Amino acid sequence: MTLQRQPYDDAFLADCARIHEQWHERAKARDSEGLLALYAEDAVLETPLVQAIFDRSESGVLRGHREIRPFFEEGARRRPNALVRWHRTGKWLTDGERLLVWEYPRQAPDGDQVDLVEVMEIADGLIRHHRIYWGWFGTALVTRSAAEKAAR
């Protein structure tokens, strides 16, 4: 059996390139509404940072613009942050059908930063599902922060 690679859809690749660039620029600029515009109205965002930011959150899952907006707004209020340097290589990956993936590596030119992998499901030019996976460095920071919160 031979696997055959299907040609990538040019429109999907253009959507991935646009989202990759705009997400990064809007996040750096603390443009919460601009970020939100990249997401479908019923999009899902998953990150352990939800529970770190919102004390009463029972999970790291946000559903829809109504829940995602306050997360982006609070994240913007908490920056600048010494460990958010916004360094990335500019490279991204896709399966050519639904996924867009890129990394913010721990090692940045000016020191360590929170290490993340962004995984997004894209449909109709919008982010439908966004999962943020944390590396060991970022996970240790979130764990330490949670322990300090619990001790208060």
C-alpha atoms as a PDB file:
ATOM      1  CA  MET A   1       0.000   0.000   0.000  1.00  0.00           C
ATOM      2  CA  THR A   2       1.319   3.409  -0.953  1.00  0.00           C
ATOM      3  CA  LEU A   3       0.193   6.538   0.787  1.00  0.00           C
ATOM      4  CA  GLN A   4      -0.513   9.427  -1.520  1.00  0.00           C
ATOM      5  CA  ARG A   5      -0.218  12.985  -0.370  1.00  0.00           C
ATOM      6  CA  GLN A   6      -3.118  15.175  -1.381  1.00  0.00           C
ATOM      7  CA  PRO A   7      -2.257  18.656  -2.620  1.00  0.00           C
ATOM      8  CA  TYR A   8      -2.830  21.371  -0.045  1.00  0.00           C
ATOM      9  CA  ASP A   9      -5.698  23.763  -0.563  1.00  0.00           C
ATOM     10  CA  ASP A  10      -4.299  27.227  -1.402  1.00  0.00           C
ATOM     11  CA  ALA A  11      -7.117  29.052   0.412  1.00  0.00           C
ATOM     12  CA  PHE A  12      -6.522  27.027   3.579  1.00  0.00           C
ATOM     13  CA  LEU A  13      -2.779  27.730   3.439  1.00  0.00           C
ATOM     14  CA  ALA A  14      -3.499  31.444   3.007  1.00  0.00           C
ATOM     15  CA  ASP A  15      -5.812  31.323   6.054  1.00  0.00           C
ATOM     16  CA  CYS A  16      -3.075  29.611   8.094  1.00  0.00           C
ATOM     17  CA  ALA A  17      -0.460  32.194   7.070  1.00  0.00           C
ATOM     18  CA  ARG A  18      -2.831  35.080   7.872  1.00  0.00           C
ATOM     19  CA  ILE A  19      -3.875  33.681  11.258  1.00  0.00           C
ATOM     20  CA  HIS A  20      -0.266  32.855  12.166  1.00  0.00           C
ATOM     21  CA  GLU A  21       0.801  36.437  11.488  1.00  0.00           C
ATOM     22  CA  GLN A  22      -2.263  38.278  12.812  1.00  0.00           C
ATOM     23  CA  TRP A  23      -2.635  36.239  16.003  1.00  0.00           C
ATOM     24  CA  HIS A  24       0.933  36.982  17.014  1.00  0.00           C
ATOM     25  CA  GLU A  25       0.761  40.690  16.136  1.00  0.00           C
ATOM     26  CA  ARG A  26      -2.606  41.243  17.822  1.00  0.00           C
ATOM     27  CA  ALA A  27      -1.547  39.381  20.964  1.00  0.00           C
ATOM     28  CA  LYS A  28       1.680  41.406  21.188  1.00  0.00           C
ATOM     29  CA  ALA A  29      -0.303  44.629  20.705  1.00  0.00           C
ATOM     30  CA  ARG A  30      -2.783  43.597  23.439  1.00  0.00           C
ATOM     31  CA  ASP A  31      -5.597  43.920  20.879  1.00  0.00           C
ATOM     32  CA  SER A  32      -8.238  41.723  22.528  1.00  0.00           C
ATOM     33  CA  GLU A  33     -11.000  42.528  20.046  1.00  0.00           C
ATOM     34  CA  GLY A  34      -8.667  41.968  17.095  1.00  0.00           C
ATOM     35  CA  LEU A  35      -7.683  38.589  18.516  1.00  0.00           C
ATOM     36  CA  LEU A  36     -11.290  37.643  19.120  1.00  0.00           C
ATOM     37  CA  ALA A  37     -12.118  38.470  15.492  1.00  0.00           C
ATOM     38  CA  LEU A  38      -9.862  35.575  14.438  1.00  0.00           C
ATOM     39  CA  TYR A  39     -12.119  33.110  16.290  1.00  0.00           C
ATOM     40  CA  ALA A  40     -15.452  31.623  15.272  1.00  0.00           C
ATOM     41  CA  GLU A  41     -18.302  32.815  17.499  1.00  0.00           C
ATOM     42  CA  ASP A  42     -18.562  29.345  19.115  1.00  0.00           C
ATOM     43  CA  ALA A  43     -14.804  28.641  19.223  1.00  0.00           C
ATOM     44  CA  VAL A  44     -13.182  26.706  22.069  1.00  0.00           C
ATOM     45  CA  LEU A  45      -9.949  27.808  23.765  1.00  0.00           C
ATOM     46  CA  GLU A  46      -8.084  25.435  26.102  1.00  0.00           C
ATOM     47  CA  THR A  47      -5.115  26.467  28.258  1.00  0.00           C
ATOM     48  CA  PRO A  48      -4.002  25.889  31.856  1.00  0.00           C
ATOM     49  CA  LEU A  49      -3.661  29.663  32.150  1.00  0.00           C
ATOM     50  CA  VAL A  50      -7.469  29.955  32.435  1.00  0.00           C
ATOM     51  CA  GLN A  51      -7.364  28.522  35.953  1.00  0.00           C
ATOM     52  CA  ALA A  52      -4.312  30.612  36.848  1.00  0.00           C
ATOM     53  CA  ILE A  53      -6.056  33.835  35.809  1.00  0.00           C
ATOM     54  CA  PHE A  54      -9.619  33.112  36.941  1.00  0.00           C
ATOM     55  CA  ASP A  55      -9.691  31.822  40.525  1.00  0.00           C
ATOM     56  CA  ARG A  56     -13.138  30.285  40.264  1.00  0.00           C
ATOM     57  CA  SER A  57     -12.634  28.495  36.944  1.00  0.00           C
ATOM     58  CA  GLU A  58     -13.266  24.772  37.204  1.00  0.00           C
ATOM     59  CA  SER A  59     -11.415  23.934  33.981  1.00  0.00           C
ATOM     60  CA  GLY A  60      -9.025  25.349  31.454  1.00  0.00           C
ATOM     61  CA  VAL A  61     -11.694  25.417  28.734  1.00  0.00           C
ATOM     62  CA  LEU A  62     -13.448  28.537  27.449  1.00  0.00           C
ATOM     63  CA  ARG A  63     -16.348  28.334  24.971  1.00  0.00           C
ATOM     64  CA  GLY A  64     -17.429  31.113  22.670  1.00  0.00           C
ATOM     65  CA  HIS A  65     -16.612  34.793  22.437  1.00  0.00           C
ATOM     66  CA  ARG A  66     -18.464  35.574  25.684  1.00  0.00           C
ATOM     67  CA  GLU A  67     -16.015  33.431  27.711  1.00  0.00           C
ATOM     68  CA  ILE A  68     -12.864  34.022  25.632  1.00  0.00           C
ATOM     69  CA  ARG A  69     -13.073  37.863  25.594  1.00  0.00           C
ATOM     70  CA  PRO A  70     -12.463  38.369  29.360  1.00  0.00           C
ATOM     71  CA  PHE A  71      -9.499  35.985  29.183  1.00  0.00           C
ATOM     72  CA  PHE A  72      -7.860  38.015  26.410  1.00  0.00           C
ATOM     73  CA  GLU A  73      -8.639  41.279  28.218  1.00  0.00           C
ATOM     74  CA  GLU A  74      -7.134  40.083  31.492  1.00  0.00           C
ATOM     75  CA  GLY A  75      -4.088  38.671  29.709  1.00  0.00           C
ATOM     76  CA  ALA A  76      -3.533  42.058  28.064  1.00  0.00           C
ATOM     77  CA  ARG A  77      -3.820  43.840  31.431  1.00  0.00           C
ATOM     78  CA  ARG A  78      -1.152  41.566  32.938  1.00  0.00           C
ATOM     79  CA  ARG A  79       1.484  42.433  30.353  1.00  0.00           C
ATOM     80  CA  PRO A  80       4.224  43.390  29.957  1.00  0.00           C
ATOM     81  CA  ASN A  81       5.619  40.320  31.669  1.00  0.00           C
ATOM     82  CA  ALA A  82       9.314  39.470  31.940  1.00  0.00           C
ATOM     83  CA  LEU A  83       8.736  35.928  30.660  1.00  0.00           C
ATOM     84  CA  VAL A  84       6.607  36.826  27.638  1.00  0.00           C
ATOM     85  CA  ARG A  85       9.154  37.833  25.018  1.00  0.00           C
ATOM     86  CA  TRP A  86       7.128  36.867  21.936  1.00  0.00           C
ATOM     87  CA  HIS A  87      10.081  35.133  20.293  1.00  0.00           C
ATOM     88  CA  ARG A  88       9.212  32.540  17.684  1.00  0.00           C
ATOM     89  CA  THR A  89      10.954  31.290  14.582  1.00  0.00           C
ATOM     90  CA  GLY A  90       8.268  32.432  12.157  1.00  0.00           C
ATOM     91  CA  LYS A  91       7.770  28.848  10.991  1.00  0.00           C
ATOM     92  CA  TRP A  92       4.493  27.040  11.295  1.00  0.00           C
ATOM     93  CA  LEU A  93       3.116  23.620  10.408  1.00  0.00           C
ATOM     94  CA  THR A  94      -0.162  22.397   9.001  1.00  0.00           C
ATOM     95  CA  ASP A  95      -1.703  19.108   8.015  1.00  0.00           C
ATOM     96  CA  GLY A  96      -3.146  20.981   5.036  1.00  0.00           C
ATOM     97  CA  GLU A  97      -6.730  20.313   6.048  1.00  0.00           C
ATOM     98  CA  ARG A  98      -7.560  21.661   9.498  1.00  0.00           C
ATOM     99  CA  LEU A  99      -4.544  22.193  11.797  1.00  0.00           C
ATOM    100  CA  LEU A 100      -2.183  25.136  12.270  1.00  0.00           C
ATOM    101  CA  VAL A 101       0.705  24.667  14.738  1.00  0.00           C
ATOM    102  CA  TRP A 102       3.626  26.817  15.912  1.00  0.00           C
ATOM    103  CA  GLU A 103       5.949  27.145  18.896  1.00  0.00           C
ATOM    104  CA  TYR A 104       7.157  29.820  21.264  1.00  0.00           C
ATOM    105  CA  PRO A 105      10.371  28.043  22.356  1.00  0.00           C
ATOM    106  CA  ARG A 106      11.798  28.342  25.874  1.00  0.00           C
ATOM    107  CA  GLN A 107      15.117  29.673  24.624  1.00  0.00           C
ATOM    108  CA  ALA A 108      14.801  33.166  23.164  1.00  0.00           C
ATOM    109  CA  PRO A 109      17.702  35.377  22.016  1.00  0.00           C
ATOM    110  CA  ASP A 110      17.442  37.467  25.203  1.00  0.00           C
ATOM    111  CA  GLY A 111      16.812  34.669  27.735  1.00  0.00           C
ATOM    112  CA  ASP A 112      14.177  32.120  28.643  1.00  0.00           C
ATOM    113  CA  GLN A 113      10.506  32.711  27.945  1.00  0.00           C
ATOM    114  CA  VAL A 114       7.313  30.795  28.668  1.00  0.00           C
ATOM    115  CA  ASP A 115       7.454  27.818  26.303  1.00  0.00           C
ATOM    116  CA  LEU A 116       4.242  27.107  24.412  1.00  0.00           C
ATOM    117  CA  VAL A 117       2.924  25.209  21.433  1.00  0.00           C
ATOM    118  CA  GLU A 118      -0.158  26.692  19.799  1.00  0.00           C
ATOM    119  CA  VAL A 119      -2.447  24.167  18.082  1.00  0.00           C
ATOM    120  CA  MET A 120      -5.434  25.570  16.201  1.00  0.00           C
ATOM    121  CA  GLU A 121      -8.181  23.948  14.200  1.00  0.00           C
ATOM    122  CA  ILE A 122      -9.083  26.274  11.337  1.00  0.00           C
ATOM    123  CA  ALA A 123     -12.318  26.225   9.321  1.00  0.00           C
ATOM    124  CA  ASP A 124     -13.807  28.847   7.025  1.00  0.00           C
ATOM    125  CA  GLY A 125     -10.892  31.189   7.750  1.00  0.00           C
ATOM    126  CA  LEU A 126     -11.455  31.236  11.528  1.00  0.00           C
ATOM    127  CA  ILE A 127     -10.071  29.469  14.584  1.00  0.00           C
ATOM    128  CA  ARG A 128     -12.582  26.848  15.705  1.00  0.00           C
ATOM    129  CA  HIS A 129     -10.579  25.175  18.476  1.00  0.00           C
ATOM    130  CA  HIS A 130      -7.346  26.462  20.054  1.00  0.00           C
ATOM    131  CA  ARG A 131      -5.249  24.382  22.431  1.00  0.00           C
ATOM    132  CA  ILE A 132      -2.152  25.795  24.112  1.00  0.00           C
ATOM    133  CA  TYR A 133       0.344  23.215  25.354  1.00  0.00           C
ATOM    134  CA  TRP A 134       2.913  24.336  27.912  1.00  0.00           C
ATOM    135  CA  GLY A 135       6.467  23.054  28.119  1.00  0.00           C
ATOM    136  CA  TRP A 136       8.307  22.202  31.325  1.00  0.00           C
ATOM    137  CA  PHE A 137       9.469  25.761  31.975  1.00  0.00           C
ATOM    138  CA  GLY A 138       6.032  27.370  31.661  1.00  0.00           C
ATOM    139  CA  THR A 139       4.358  24.530  33.545  1.00  0.00           C
ATOM    140  CA  ALA A 140       6.724  25.021  36.476  1.00  0.00           C
ATOM    141  CA  LEU A 141       5.859  28.740  36.563  1.00  0.00           C
ATOM    142  CA  VAL A 142       2.097  28.105  36.536  1.00  0.00           C
ATOM    143  CA  THR A 143       2.429  25.413  39.232  1.00  0.00           C
ATOM    144  CA  ARG A 144       4.465  27.739  41.449  1.00  0.00           C
ATOM    145  CA  SER A 145       1.923  30.531  40.963  1.00  0.00           C
ATOM    146  CA  ALA A 146      -0.964  28.190  41.865  1.00  0.00           C
ATOM    147  CA  ALA A 147       0.831  27.024  45.019  1.00  0.00           C
ATOM    148  CA  GLU A 148       1.459  30.626  46.094  1.00  0.00           C
ATOM    149  CA  LYS A 149      -2.223  31.470  45.490  1.00  0.00           C
ATOM    150  CA  ALA A 150      -3.359  28.487  47.553  1.00  0.00           C
ATOM    151  CA  ALA A 151      -1.078  29.495  50.447  1.00  0.00           C
ATOM    152  CA  ARG A 152      -2.673  32.974  50.695  1.00  0.00           C
END
